[in-house]
Protein backbone atom coordinates (compact mmCIF):
# COMPACT_ATOMS: atom_id res chain seq x y z
CA MET A 1 22.11 77.07 19.97
CA PRO A 2 24.95 75.12 18.27
CA LYS A 3 24.32 73.42 14.92
CA SER A 4 24.89 69.70 14.49
CA ARG A 5 27.32 68.38 11.92
CA GLN A 6 25.72 67.21 8.71
CA ARG A 7 26.65 64.05 6.91
CA GLN A 8 28.71 64.30 3.82
CA LYS A 9 27.01 62.93 0.73
CA LYS A 10 29.03 60.78 -1.62
CA GLY A 11 28.55 60.88 -5.36
CA SER A 12 28.04 57.14 -5.76
CA ARG A 13 26.83 54.53 -3.36
CA PRO A 14 28.90 51.40 -2.79
CA TYR A 15 26.13 48.96 -3.75
CA ALA A 16 27.00 45.71 -5.44
CA THR A 17 25.38 45.20 -8.80
CA PRO A 18 22.58 42.63 -8.70
CA PRO A 19 23.33 39.32 -10.40
CA GLN A 20 22.00 38.93 -13.90
CA LYS A 21 19.03 36.65 -14.30
CA LYS A 22 19.67 33.45 -16.17
CA ARG A 23 17.69 33.33 -19.34
CA ARG A 24 15.83 30.10 -19.90
CA ARG A 25 16.22 28.42 -23.21
CA GLU A 26 13.13 28.09 -25.31
CA SER A 27 11.65 24.65 -25.74
CA PRO A 28 12.00 23.01 -29.15
CA ARG A 29 9.08 23.21 -31.55
CA TRP A 30 8.24 19.52 -31.17
CA TYR A 31 7.75 19.85 -27.41
CA GLY A 32 4.35 21.51 -27.74
CA LEU A 33 3.24 18.74 -30.09
CA LEU A 34 4.44 16.16 -27.56
CA VAL A 35 2.33 17.78 -24.82
CA LEU A 36 -0.78 17.94 -27.00
CA GLY A 37 -0.14 14.43 -28.32
CA LEU A 38 0.06 12.89 -24.85
CA ILE A 39 -3.14 14.60 -23.75
CA GLY A 40 -4.93 13.75 -27.01
CA ILE A 41 -3.92 10.08 -26.98
CA GLY A 42 -4.96 9.82 -23.34
CA ILE A 43 -8.40 11.25 -24.07
CA ALA A 44 -8.79 9.03 -27.14
CA LEU A 45 -7.83 5.96 -25.12
CA ILE A 46 -10.47 6.72 -22.48
CA VAL A 47 -13.18 7.42 -25.07
CA LEU A 48 -12.34 4.28 -27.07
CA ASN A 49 -12.42 2.25 -23.85
CA TYR A 50 -15.95 3.43 -23.07
CA MET A 51 -17.05 2.80 -26.67
CA ASP A 52 -15.81 -0.81 -26.27
CA VAL A 53 -13.57 -0.53 -29.35
CA ILE A 54 -10.33 -1.57 -27.66
CA PRO A 55 -9.69 -5.34 -27.62
CA GLY A 56 -10.33 -6.95 -24.27
CA GLY A 57 -13.54 -5.09 -23.50
CA THR A 58 -13.88 -2.21 -21.10
CA ALA A 59 -11.04 -2.69 -18.62
CA GLN A 60 -9.72 -0.46 -15.90
CA VAL A 61 -6.21 -0.88 -17.28
CA TRP A 62 -7.08 1.22 -20.35
CA LEU A 63 -8.72 3.87 -18.20
CA TRP A 64 -5.66 4.17 -15.96
CA ALA A 65 -3.35 4.21 -18.99
CA GLY A 66 -5.36 7.08 -20.49
CA LEU A 67 -5.32 9.02 -17.24
CA GLY A 68 -1.58 8.39 -16.95
CA LEU A 69 -0.99 9.79 -20.44
CA ILE A 70 -3.07 12.87 -19.65
CA ALA A 71 -1.14 13.40 -16.39
CA GLY A 72 2.13 12.99 -18.29
CA GLY A 73 0.99 15.63 -20.77
CA PHE A 74 0.15 18.09 -18.01
CA ALA A 75 3.46 17.38 -16.26
CA ALA A 76 5.32 18.02 -19.52
CA ALA A 77 3.34 21.24 -20.04
CA THR A 78 4.69 22.68 -16.79
CA GLN A 79 8.25 22.48 -18.19
CA TRP A 80 7.44 24.25 -21.45
CA HIS A 81 9.14 27.63 -21.96
């Protein structure tokens, strides 16, 4: 029975080199304090609203402002490297 021809193996394969990954820059030191500050001020605003310490009595505006600050802190935390 006749033998089939075998493929010739090359020493190197003609693959393209993969692109290098872009390295993200680290966030500045103050960015972590900004995140914690926004969350902390938001929590303090909500607590002070319920304790009736903020002028104007317990108003929904202060509650929404506190929740907005907390949401801003969490949004900023997602961009921290």
